[in-house]
Amino acid sequence: LLVICVDQMRADHIGCIGNSIIKTPNLDKLAANSTLFRKSYCNNPLCQPARSTMFTGLLPRDHGVRINGQNLRRDIPTLPQVLSDNGYRTHSAGKLHLTAWDPDPENLNLDIYPENMQSWNSKKISRFPTPYYGFQTVDFVGGHTSYAWGEYINWLTEKGGEPEMLTMKKALEEPSGAPFCYKMSLPVELHYNRYISDSTIRFLEQSAEESKPFFAWCSFPDPHFPIAPPEPYCSMYNPEHIPFPARRKSEMEDMPPFYKQILSAEFRPLGVDYSGVQEKHFKEMIALTYGMITHIDKEIGRIMDTFHRCGLWENTMVVFISDHGDMMGDHGLMWKGVYTYQGVINIPTIAYIPYGVKGQVSGSLISQIDLMPSILDFCNIPMPGDDWKEKKYAFERGSMVSLESYPGKSWLSILKGEAKDVRNDVIIENDDPSTGYHARCLVTENFRITIYPGTPYGELFDLRTDPHELYNLWDKEDYCGIKQELLLKLLHSYCLHTPFYPIPYGGS
């Protein structure tokens, strides 16, 4: 098992999905032998909640990580722990982000916060403690570009590199003023992408030699901001050739009022100030982001070469996925925040199995809660807690009926060509401390609806006629019936996503 995870990459930032500008030859080649999901969604467009969902198969409301800075509980079964318990060798290379990076310094317990930046930078910790949520070994990278830390920094300095070359202070040229954008001076052979791919390759070679089942989590921190690719990738794309992001004049007149407050910098999600950001800045952001993605693609190619050399294609499942997307200038917005626009919720997902359909492009809705059941289905391992369904005792008010322990659905049948879809809607949660809103979103085949509980505001988009979400139909009389139907569907789906795990009370 190999999962390649990237950070903050949009679904449309990949060549095989139809992007004619970006160069992703290795991902395109992987997709040509796999299934590419066009309608794959995160269940929360923030790093920690999204990653915790992928690791547990639960929505943020159930695993407890609603925003960045909250630790994933240690008593919830995780994908690597289940695999480890079933004889798999488990390894993580790169970013994890399952515990807080910046906890209260007065209560800094390294057993609870081994990913925290302060302890790594002060040399209180130099080797990642394991086991960690089921990972038996870890080669750790925390942070992004200018503020990376972890074991990678040890590797970098041992090879004679200067950590300061990661930063804007040492940029190849004077930054233009585009937010969090610069050209990194560190050579590619000393970049953390190389450290992560090297770690993954080493683990794959060892596993192939030992002929033991394995699970590798290969997690690149890019293309998350700060946006700073090194050469040759920082010069690969001309900002002038980048189409301007999707927007419509006066579109915010139809949106909840906080959007105007964000664009005027009254609200600053994640501390982002939108004042002074020009059209040329958005184009530069996209061009440099494309460079970061092509850089990742190159390292993925090195990993794929290892697969060929070690004969791993015949018995390994490979998944490429992102934790969430990025607004990248759509509607005048950057990064992530309280938004549930397609830019932040629609993520790239490619899945390969040895006996799967090659070159398949699936229109099935899937989400991150489906990742864990799909991988365990491939391994013929039940979801944790499923054993209670087989016990022959009675519940307090009657006998057992057929119930699902988890809300996720395995999409293995799609990879095999045995099914066209596995679900008809996706639930997305997004709690935003900077605005105080608790967005709840439902995506169906044709629509996206978002509510902000406690307010009269909402969003309704017809994705058939308005794929770029430029016309909010929330207050349109012609869509009143559809809105009520979708609100009811949101309520039903949200309730049905309640898991029956932990195991219900009923005796031993």
Protein backbone atom coordinates (compact mmCIF):
# COMPACT_ATOMS: atom_id res chain seq x y z
CA LEU A 1 0.00 0.00 0.00
CA LEU A 2 1.29 3.41 -0.96
CA VAL A 3 -0.59 6.66 -0.33
CA ILE A 4 0.96 9.80 -1.81
CA CYS A 5 -0.60 12.83 -0.14
CA VAL A 6 -0.02 16.45 -1.15
CA ASP A 7 -1.10 19.58 0.68
CA GLN A 8 -3.57 22.19 -0.56
CA MET A 9 -3.71 21.03 -4.19
CA ARG A 10 -6.82 21.64 -6.28
CA ALA A 11 -8.43 18.97 -8.44
CA ASP A 12 -7.94 21.04 -11.61
CA HIS A 13 -4.19 21.51 -11.07
CA ILE A 14 -3.19 18.32 -12.85
CA GLY A 15 -2.69 17.59 -16.52
CA CYS A 16 -4.83 14.45 -16.80
CA ILE A 17 -7.94 16.28 -15.58
CA GLY A 18 -7.73 18.61 -18.59
CA ASN A 19 -5.33 21.35 -17.47
CA SER A 20 -3.38 22.13 -20.64
CA ILE A 21 -0.74 24.34 -18.99
CA ILE A 22 0.59 22.40 -16.03
CA LYS A 23 3.15 19.63 -16.60
CA THR A 24 2.44 16.49 -14.55
CA PRO A 25 3.73 13.65 -16.76
CA ASN A 26 4.18 11.11 -13.97
CA LEU A 27 0.75 11.67 -12.44
CA ASP A 28 -0.73 11.55 -15.94
CA LYS A 29 1.00 8.21 -16.51
CA LEU A 30 -0.29 6.91 -13.18
CA ALA A 31 -3.83 8.00 -14.10
CA ALA A 32 -3.55 6.24 -17.47
CA ASN A 33 -3.13 2.96 -15.59
CA SER A 34 -5.60 3.76 -12.80
CA THR A 35 -8.94 5.38 -11.99
CA LEU A 36 -9.10 9.17 -11.86
CA PHE A 37 -11.95 10.49 -9.69
CA ARG A 38 -13.31 13.82 -11.01
CA LYS A 39 -15.70 14.33 -8.09
CA SER A 40 -13.53 13.58 -5.09
CA TYR A 41 -14.02 15.87 -2.08
CA CYS A 42 -12.42 16.57 1.25
CA ASN A 43 -14.75 16.49 4.26
CA ASN A 44 -13.11 19.58 5.72
CA PRO A 45 -10.90 22.06 3.80
CA LEU A 46 -8.28 22.42 6.55
CA CYS A 47 -5.13 20.33 7.01
CA GLN A 48 -5.57 18.67 10.40
CA PRO A 49 -9.30 17.91 10.18
CA ALA A 50 -8.90 16.53 6.64
CA ARG A 51 -5.92 14.35 7.52
CA SER A 52 -7.60 13.07 10.67
CA THR A 53 -10.60 12.10 8.54
CA MET A 54 -8.41 10.18 6.09
CA PHE A 55 -6.74 8.36 9.00
CA THR A 56 -9.96 7.47 10.87
CA GLY A 57 -12.79 7.30 8.31
CA LEU A 58 -14.81 9.69 10.48
CA LEU A 59 -16.14 13.21 10.03
CA PRO A 60 -14.46 15.93 12.12
CA ARG A 61 -17.48 16.08 14.46
CA ASP A 62 -16.75 12.43 15.35
CA HIS A 63 -12.95 12.24 15.48
CA GLY A 64 -12.86 15.63 17.24
CA VAL A 65 -10.36 17.57 15.12
CA ARG A 66 -12.50 20.44 13.83
CA ILE A 67 -9.75 23.01 13.24
CA ASN A 68 -5.96 23.11 13.08
CA GLY A 69 -4.31 22.93 16.49
CA GLN A 70 -6.42 20.14 18.00
CA ASN A 71 -4.80 16.75 18.61
CA LEU A 72 -6.31 13.61 17.14
CA ARG A 73 -7.35 11.36 20.02
CA ARG A 74 -5.15 8.32 20.64
CA ASP A 75 -8.07 6.00 21.43
CA ILE A 76 -9.62 6.11 17.93
CA PRO A 77 -8.45 3.35 15.56
CA THR A 78 -6.39 4.75 12.69
CA LEU A 79 -5.61 3.30 9.27
CA PRO A 80 -1.90 2.70 9.98
CA GLN A 81 -2.72 1.18 13.38
CA VAL A 82 -5.23 -1.26 11.90
CA LEU A 83 -2.74 -2.24 9.21
CA SER A 84 0.07 -2.60 11.75
CA ASP A 85 -2.14 -4.81 13.91
CA ASN A 86 -2.71 -7.00 10.84
CA GLY A 87 0.96 -7.58 10.10
CA TYR A 88 1.79 -4.64 7.86
CA ARG A 89 5.06 -2.75 8.11
CA THR A 90 4.07 0.93 8.37
CA HIS A 91 6.16 3.99 7.53
CA SER A 92 5.54 7.73 7.18
CA ALA A 93 7.75 10.07 5.15
CA GLY A 94 7.06 13.80 5.26
CA LYS A 95 4.14 15.70 6.71
CA LEU A 96 1.76 14.16 9.24
CA HIS A 97 -0.08 16.98 11.09
CA LEU A 98 -2.10 14.82 13.47
CA THR A 99 -1.14 16.85 16.54
CA ALA A 100 -0.70 20.58 17.12
CA TRP A 101 2.32 22.41 15.73
CA ASP A 102 2.13 25.37 18.11
CA PRO A 103 0.72 24.25 21.48
CA ASP A 104 0.77 26.17 24.74
CA PRO A 105 4.50 26.45 25.63
CA GLU A 106 3.65 26.15 29.33
CA ASN A 107 2.22 22.67 28.77
CA LEU A 108 4.58 21.36 26.14
CA ASN A 109 4.62 17.58 26.64
CA LEU A 110 6.65 15.93 23.88
CA ASP A 111 4.71 12.68 24.29
CA ILE A 112 1.55 14.60 23.36
CA TYR A 113 3.02 17.14 20.92
CA PRO A 114 5.92 15.47 19.06
CA GLU A 115 5.20 17.50 15.90
CA ASN A 116 5.53 20.89 17.60
CA MET A 117 7.80 23.42 15.89
CA GLN A 118 9.30 24.97 19.02
CA SER A 119 10.84 21.77 20.36
CA TRP A 120 12.38 20.81 17.02
CA ASN A 121 13.82 24.28 16.43
CA SER A 122 15.25 24.43 19.97
CA LYS A 123 16.80 20.94 19.56
CA LYS A 124 14.77 19.49 22.44
CA ILE A 125 13.80 16.78 20.01
CA SER A 126 15.90 15.49 17.12
CA ARG A 127 14.36 12.10 16.35
CA PHE A 128 10.65 11.49 15.90
CA PRO A 129 9.24 9.19 18.62
CA THR A 130 7.51 6.03 17.44
CA PRO A 131 5.12 4.29 17.31
CA TYR A 132 2.85 7.17 16.26
CA TYR A 133 -0.82 6.49 15.48
CA GLY A 134 0.25 3.11 14.12
CA PHE A 135 3.36 4.20 12.22
CA GLN A 136 6.30 2.05 13.25
CA THR A 137 8.87 4.37 11.64
CA VAL A 138 8.71 8.07 10.71
CA ASP A 139 10.95 10.43 8.72
CA PHE A 140 9.34 13.69 9.69
CA VAL A 141 8.89 17.04 7.95
CA GLY A 142 6.85 19.71 9.71
CA GLY A 143 5.76 23.04 8.28
CA HIS A 144 6.07 24.40 4.75
CA THR A 145 8.83 26.02 2.65
CA SER A 146 10.10 28.98 4.71
CA TYR A 147 9.30 27.40 8.08
CA ALA A 148 10.02 23.70 7.58
CA TRP A 149 11.36 21.75 10.54
CA GLY A 150 11.85 18.18 11.72
CA GLU A 151 14.29 15.43 10.85
CA TYR A 152 14.60 16.89 7.38
CA ILE A 153 16.58 19.82 8.82
CA ASN A 154 19.07 17.35 10.32
CA TRP A 155 19.42 15.70 6.90
CA LEU A 156 19.79 19.09 5.18
CA THR A 157 22.59 20.29 7.46
CA GLU A 158 24.40 16.94 7.29
CA LYS A 159 24.52 17.37 3.51
CA GLY A 160 25.99 20.85 3.87
CA GLY A 161 22.80 22.78 3.14
CA GLU A 162 21.71 25.97 4.89
CA PRO A 163 18.16 25.96 6.32
CA GLU A 164 18.01 29.71 5.70
CA MET A 165 18.01 28.98 1.95
CA LEU A 166 14.43 27.80 2.41
CA THR A 167 13.32 31.30 3.36
CA MET A 168 12.31 34.47 1.54
CA LYS A 169 15.35 36.22 3.03
CA LYS A 170 17.55 34.12 0.73
CA ALA A 171 15.23 34.23 -2.31
CA LEU A 172 16.82 33.97 -5.74
CA GLU A 173 15.47 37.40 -6.62
CA GLU A 174 13.55 40.23 -5.00
CA PRO A 175 9.95 39.07 -4.39
CA SER A 176 7.33 40.89 -6.48
CA GLY A 177 4.88 41.53 -3.65
CA ALA A 178 2.53 38.65 -4.43
CA PRO A 179 1.50 37.32 -1.00
CA PHE A 180 3.78 34.58 0.34
CA CYS A 181 5.45 34.13 -3.05
CA TYR A 182 9.16 33.92 -3.85
CA LYS A 183 11.73 31.84 -5.72
CA MET A 184 13.61 29.52 -3.38
CA SER A 185 17.39 29.42 -3.62
CA LEU A 186 17.82 25.89 -2.20
CA PRO A 187 18.90 23.37 -4.88
CA VAL A 188 16.42 20.59 -5.65
CA GLU A 189 18.75 17.85 -4.41
CA LEU A 190 18.56 19.38 -0.92
CA HIS A 191 14.83 20.12 -0.94
CA TYR A 192 12.47 18.34 1.45
CA ASN A 193 10.70 16.80 -1.56
CA ARG A 194 13.92 14.85 -2.25
CA TYR A 195 14.23 13.87 1.42
CA ILE A 196 10.64 12.54 1.37
CA SER A 197 10.98 10.64 -1.89
CA ASP A 198 14.33 9.19 -0.78
CA SER A 199 12.78 8.00 2.48
CA THR A 200 9.85 6.43 0.60
CA ILE A 201 12.12 4.76 -1.96
CA ARG A 202 14.34 3.33 0.76
CA PHE A 203 11.31 1.90 2.56
CA LEU A 204 9.88 0.40 -0.65
CA GLU A 205 13.20 -1.25 -1.49
CA GLN A 206 13.50 -2.74 1.99
CA SER A 207 9.91 -3.99 1.95
CA ALA A 208 10.33 -5.56 -1.49
CA GLU A 209 13.51 -7.32 -0.36
CA GLU A 210 11.83 -8.63 2.80
CA SER A 211 8.61 -9.60 0.94
CA LYS A 212 6.48 -8.28 3.77
CA PRO A 213 3.18 -6.41 3.39
CA PHE A 214 3.70 -2.68 3.84
CA PHE A 215 1.91 0.65 4.12
CA ALA A 216 3.86 3.75 3.07
CA TRP A 217 2.48 7.24 3.72
CA CYS A 218 4.43 9.60 1.42
CA SER A 219 3.31 13.12 2.27
CA PHE A 220 4.65 16.21 0.48
CA PRO A 221 4.02 19.55 2.28
CA ASP A 222 3.68 21.36 -1.08
CA PRO A 223 1.99 23.12 -2.89
CA HIS A 224 0.77 24.81 0.32
CA PHE A 225 1.75 28.45 0.80
CA PRO A 226 4.30 30.04 1.18
CA ILE A 227 4.60 29.41 -2.56
CA ALA A 228 8.31 29.03 -3.21
CA PRO A 229 9.58 26.45 -5.71
CA PRO A 230 13.31 26.21 -6.43
CA GLU A 231 14.88 26.28 -9.87
CA PRO A 232 14.09 25.07 -12.49
CA TYR A 233 10.48 24.99 -11.33
CA CYS A 234 10.23 28.61 -10.18
CA SER A 235 10.92 29.78 -13.76
CA MET A 236 8.98 27.08 -15.59
CA TYR A 237 5.64 28.90 -15.93
CA ASN A 238 5.11 32.45 -17.19
CA PRO A 239 2.45 34.28 -15.14
CA GLU A 240 1.36 36.13 -18.29
CA HIS A 241 0.27 32.82 -19.80
CA ILE A 242 -1.95 31.93 -16.84
CA PRO A 243 -5.71 32.46 -17.40
CA PHE A 244 -7.27 34.72 -14.82
CA PRO A 245 -9.16 32.88 -12.04
CA ALA A 246 -12.95 32.53 -12.22
CA ARG A 247 -14.95 35.51 -10.99
CA ARG A 248 -17.92 37.67 -11.96
CA LYS A 249 -18.41 41.37 -11.42
CA SER A 250 -20.72 42.03 -8.46
CA GLU A 251 -20.99 38.32 -7.63
CA MET A 252 -20.44 39.07 -3.94
CA GLU A 253 -23.70 41.04 -3.85
CA ASP A 254 -25.47 37.66 -3.86
CA MET A 255 -23.19 36.00 -1.31
CA PRO A 256 -23.26 36.01 2.51
CA PRO A 257 -21.93 39.36 3.78
CA PHE A 258 -18.78 37.93 5.34
CA TYR A 259 -17.28 37.56 1.84
CA LYS A 260 -17.23 41.34 1.44
CA GLN A 261 -15.77 41.62 4.93
CA ILE A 262 -12.99 39.22 3.94
CA LEU A 263 -12.21 41.04 0.70
CA SER A 264 -12.09 44.37 2.57
CA ALA A 265 -9.80 42.79 5.23
CA GLU A 266 -12.35 43.35 8.01
CA PHE A 267 -12.21 39.59 8.49
CA ARG A 268 -8.84 37.91 7.97
CA PRO A 269 -9.18 34.12 7.72
CA LEU A 270 -5.82 32.57 8.59
CA GLY A 271 -4.49 36.12 8.96
CA VAL A 272 -4.68 36.82 5.22
CA ASP A 273 -5.05 40.49 4.24
CA TYR A 274 -6.58 40.90 0.78
CA SER A 275 -5.94 44.61 0.48
CA GLY A 276 -3.40 45.44 -2.22
CA VAL A 277 -3.56 42.06 -3.97
CA GLN A 278 -3.59 42.70 -7.72
CA GLU A 279 -4.51 40.57 -10.73
CA LYS A 280 -0.84 40.03 -11.58
CA HIS A 281 -0.27 38.69 -8.06
CA PHE A 282 -2.94 36.00 -8.50
CA LYS A 283 -1.35 34.92 -11.78
CA GLU A 284 2.07 34.73 -10.19
CA MET A 285 0.67 32.65 -7.33
CA ILE A 286 -0.75 30.16 -9.81
CA ALA A 287 2.42 30.06 -11.93
CA LEU A 288 4.62 29.35 -8.89
CA THR A 289 2.10 26.81 -7.57
CA TYR A 290 2.28 25.01 -10.91
CA GLY A 291 6.04 24.94 -10.43
CA MET A 292 5.67 23.35 -7.00
CA ILE A 293 3.34 20.69 -8.41
CA THR A 294 5.65 19.85 -11.29
CA HIS A 295 8.47 19.55 -8.74
CA ILE A 296 6.40 17.04 -6.74
CA ASP A 297 5.55 15.19 -9.95
CA LYS A 298 9.27 14.75 -10.67
CA GLU A 299 9.83 13.13 -7.27
CA ILE A 300 6.77 10.92 -7.76
CA GLY A 301 8.41 9.75 -10.97
CA ARG A 302 11.44 8.60 -8.95
CA ILE A 303 9.09 6.62 -6.68
CA MET A 304 7.29 5.08 -9.66
CA ASP A 305 10.66 4.02 -11.11
CA THR A 306 11.29 2.17 -7.85
CA PHE A 307 7.99 0.35 -8.30
CA HIS A 308 9.14 -0.90 -11.70
CA ARG A 309 12.59 -1.85 -10.46
CA CYS A 310 11.23 -3.76 -7.44
CA GLY A 311 8.26 -5.36 -9.22
CA LEU A 312 5.71 -3.75 -6.91
CA TRP A 313 3.03 -2.95 -9.52
CA GLU A 314 1.80 -6.55 -9.41
CA ASN A 315 0.57 -6.53 -5.80
CA THR A 316 0.38 -2.92 -4.54
CA MET A 317 -2.43 -0.40 -4.25
CA VAL A 318 -1.40 3.22 -4.95
CA VAL A 319 -3.48 6.27 -4.09
CA PHE A 320 -2.64 9.88 -4.90
CA ILE A 321 -4.72 12.40 -2.95
CA SER A 322 -4.68 15.91 -1.47
CA ASP A 323 -5.89 16.95 1.97
CA HIS A 324 -7.81 19.94 0.53
CA GLY A 325 -7.64 22.55 -2.23
CA ASP A 326 -6.94 26.28 -2.56
CA MET A 327 -8.98 29.24 -3.80
CA MET A 328 -6.03 30.44 -5.93
CA GLY A 329 -7.77 33.72 -6.82
CA ASP A 330 -11.20 32.30 -7.67
CA HIS A 331 -13.78 34.93 -6.71
CA GLY A 332 -10.89 37.12 -5.59
CA LEU A 333 -10.07 34.79 -2.69
CA MET A 334 -6.86 33.09 -1.60
CA TRP A 335 -5.85 29.96 0.29
CA LYS A 336 -8.60 28.47 2.45
CA GLY A 337 -10.92 29.59 5.25
CA VAL A 338 -14.65 29.41 5.82
CA TYR A 339 -15.18 28.71 2.11
CA THR A 340 -16.83 25.67 0.56
CA TYR A 341 -16.20 26.67 -3.05
CA GLN A 342 -15.06 23.94 -5.45
CA GLY A 343 -11.51 25.29 -5.36
CA VAL A 344 -11.00 24.23 -1.75
CA ILE A 345 -13.26 21.16 -1.50
CA ASN A 346 -12.70 19.35 -4.83
CA ILE A 347 -9.43 17.41 -4.56
CA PRO A 348 -7.36 15.29 -6.97
CA THR A 349 -7.65 11.55 -6.40
CA ILE A 350 -6.06 8.78 -8.47
CA ALA A 351 -6.27 5.13 -7.39
CA TYR A 352 -4.42 2.12 -8.80
CA ILE A 353 -4.89 -1.58 -8.10
CA PRO A 354 -3.14 -4.35 -10.05
CA TYR A 355 -6.36 -5.83 -11.46
CA GLY A 356 -8.21 -2.54 -11.91
CA VAL A 357 -9.61 -0.80 -14.96
CA LYS A 358 -6.90 1.24 -16.68
CA GLY A 359 -7.42 4.83 -17.74
CA GLN A 360 -10.86 5.06 -16.16
CA VAL A 361 -12.27 8.51 -15.38
CA SER A 362 -14.96 8.14 -12.73
CA GLY A 363 -17.75 10.64 -12.17
CA SER A 364 -18.73 9.01 -8.89
CA LEU A 365 -18.91 11.21 -5.83
CA ILE A 366 -16.40 10.11 -3.19
CA SER A 367 -14.89 11.76 -0.13
CA GLN A 368 -12.07 11.27 2.36
CA ILE A 369 -14.20 9.17 4.71
CA ASP A 370 -14.13 6.57 1.92
CA LEU A 371 -10.34 6.23 1.83
CA MET A 372 -9.90 4.00 4.89
CA PRO A 373 -12.70 1.52 3.99
CA SER A 374 -11.43 1.34 0.39
CA ILE A 375 -7.87 0.51 1.44
CA LEU A 376 -8.97 -2.04 4.04
CA ASP A 377 -11.34 -3.57 1.48
CA PHE A 378 -8.38 -4.07 -0.87
CA CYS A 379 -6.53 -5.80 1.99
CA ASN A 380 -9.59 -7.86 2.97
CA ILE A 381 -9.43 -6.37 6.48
CA PRO A 382 -12.70 -5.35 8.19
CA MET A 383 -13.18 -1.84 9.53
CA PRO A 384 -12.42 -1.69 13.26
CA GLY A 385 -15.46 -2.45 15.39
CA ASP A 386 -17.30 -4.31 12.63
CA ASP A 387 -17.19 -7.51 14.68
CA TRP A 388 -20.11 -6.36 16.84
CA LYS A 389 -22.44 -6.84 13.86
CA GLU A 390 -21.78 -10.58 13.93
CA LYS A 391 -22.47 -11.13 17.62
CA LYS A 392 -25.72 -12.94 18.37
CA TYR A 393 -26.87 -10.99 21.42
CA ALA A 394 -29.95 -8.78 21.54
CA PHE A 395 -29.97 -5.03 22.02
CA GLU A 396 -31.87 -3.43 24.90
CA ARG A 397 -35.01 -2.86 22.80
CA GLY A 398 -34.85 -5.60 20.22
CA SER A 399 -32.70 -7.74 18.01
CA MET A 400 -29.85 -6.64 15.77
CA VAL A 401 -30.50 -5.16 12.34
CA SER A 402 -28.01 -4.55 9.55
CA LEU A 403 -26.15 -1.32 10.31
CA GLU A 404 -22.93 0.26 9.10
CA SER A 405 -20.26 0.98 11.70
CA TYR A 406 -18.70 3.81 9.67
CA PRO A 407 -20.12 6.37 7.20
CA GLY A 408 -17.52 5.69 4.49
CA LYS A 409 -18.06 3.57 1.37
CA SER A 410 -15.42 1.45 -0.33
CA TRP A 411 -14.82 2.46 -3.93
CA LEU A 412 -12.89 -0.74 -4.71
CA SER A 413 -15.80 -1.92 -6.88
CA ILE A 414 -15.35 1.17 -9.09
CA LEU A 415 -11.65 0.41 -9.56
CA LYS A 416 -12.57 -3.13 -10.63
CA GLY A 417 -15.18 -1.85 -13.09
CA GLU A 418 -18.00 -3.54 -11.17
CA ALA A 419 -19.84 -0.34 -10.18
CA LYS A 420 -20.26 3.19 -11.50
CA ASP A 421 -20.75 4.95 -8.17
CA VAL A 422 -20.81 4.30 -4.42
CA ARG A 423 -22.61 7.36 -3.00
CA ASN A 424 -24.89 10.15 -4.19
CA ASP A 425 -23.78 12.95 -1.90
CA VAL A 426 -20.87 14.23 0.19
CA ILE A 427 -20.98 16.00 3.55
CA ILE A 428 -18.46 18.76 4.28
CA GLU A 429 -17.92 20.50 7.62
CA ASN A 430 -16.00 23.74 8.04
CA ASP A 431 -15.73 25.49 11.41
CA ASP A 432 -13.98 28.84 11.15
CA PRO A 433 -12.84 30.66 14.31
CA SER A 434 -12.01 33.88 12.43
CA THR A 435 -15.65 34.41 11.43
CA GLY A 436 -17.40 32.27 14.05
CA TYR A 437 -19.35 30.41 11.37
CA HIS A 438 -20.01 26.67 11.30
CA ALA A 439 -20.48 25.93 7.61
CA ARG A 440 -22.25 22.68 6.72
CA CYS A 441 -22.24 21.69 3.08
CA LEU A 442 -23.81 19.04 0.86
CA VAL A 443 -22.50 18.24 -2.61
CA THR A 444 -24.64 16.16 -4.95
CA GLU A 445 -24.12 15.23 -8.58
CA ASN A 446 -25.72 18.49 -9.73
CA PHE A 447 -25.71 20.93 -6.79
CA ARG A 448 -23.72 22.35 -3.91
CA ILE A 449 -25.59 23.82 -0.95
CA THR A 450 -23.99 25.39 2.14
CA ILE A 451 -25.69 26.64 5.30
CA TYR A 452 -24.33 28.78 8.13
CA PRO A 453 -26.31 27.70 11.21
CA GLY A 454 -27.58 30.63 13.26
CA THR A 455 -27.72 32.92 10.22
CA PRO A 456 -30.20 33.37 7.34
CA TYR A 457 -27.34 33.11 4.83
CA GLY A 458 -26.56 30.27 2.50
CA GLU A 459 -25.19 29.25 -0.86
CA LEU A 460 -26.80 27.21 -3.61
CA PHE A 461 -25.09 26.54 -6.92
CA ASP A 462 -26.26 24.56 -9.93
CA LEU A 463 -23.06 22.81 -10.97
CA ARG A 464 -24.55 21.71 -14.30
CA THR A 465 -24.98 25.23 -15.65
CA ASP A 466 -22.55 27.07 -13.36
CA PRO A 467 -19.49 24.87 -12.69
CA HIS A 468 -17.42 27.87 -11.55
CA GLU A 469 -20.06 28.82 -8.94
CA LEU A 470 -20.58 32.41 -10.08
CA TYR A 471 -24.33 32.70 -9.47
CA ASN A 472 -25.64 32.05 -5.96
CA LEU A 473 -29.25 30.82 -6.22
CA TRP A 474 -30.00 30.80 -2.48
CA ASP A 475 -32.56 33.63 -2.67
CA LYS A 476 -33.87 32.87 -6.15
CA GLU A 477 -37.59 32.06 -6.11
CA ASP A 478 -37.30 29.63 -9.01
CA TYR A 479 -34.98 27.46 -6.92
CA CYS A 480 -37.02 27.53 -3.71
CA GLY A 481 -38.23 23.95 -4.16
CA ILE A 482 -34.77 22.62 -4.98
CA LYS A 483 -33.34 24.45 -1.98
CA GLN A 484 -35.86 22.86 0.39
CA GLU A 485 -35.22 19.45 -1.12
CA LEU A 486 -31.45 19.84 -0.69
CA LEU A 487 -31.78 21.15 2.86
CA LEU A 488 -33.79 18.06 3.77
CA LYS A 489 -31.22 15.86 2.05
CA LEU A 490 -28.44 17.61 3.99
CA LEU A 491 -30.25 16.88 7.25
CA HIS A 492 -30.81 13.23 6.40
CA SER A 493 -27.26 12.65 5.13
CA TYR A 494 -25.69 14.39 8.10
CA CYS A 495 -27.66 12.19 10.50
CA LEU A 496 -26.87 9.03 8.53
CA HIS A 497 -23.16 9.86 8.71
CA THR A 498 -23.32 9.25 12.47
CA PRO A 499 -21.17 6.16 13.06
CA PHE A 500 -22.13 3.14 15.14
CA TYR A 501 -18.54 2.98 16.29
CA PRO A 502 -17.40 2.86 19.12
CA ILE A 503 -19.06 -0.49 19.60
CA PRO A 504 -22.58 -0.04 20.97
CA TYR A 505 -23.35 -1.30 24.43
CA GLY A 506 -24.86 -4.76 24.39
CA GLY A 507 -22.75 -7.16 26.34
CA SER A 508 -19.67 -9.22 25.55
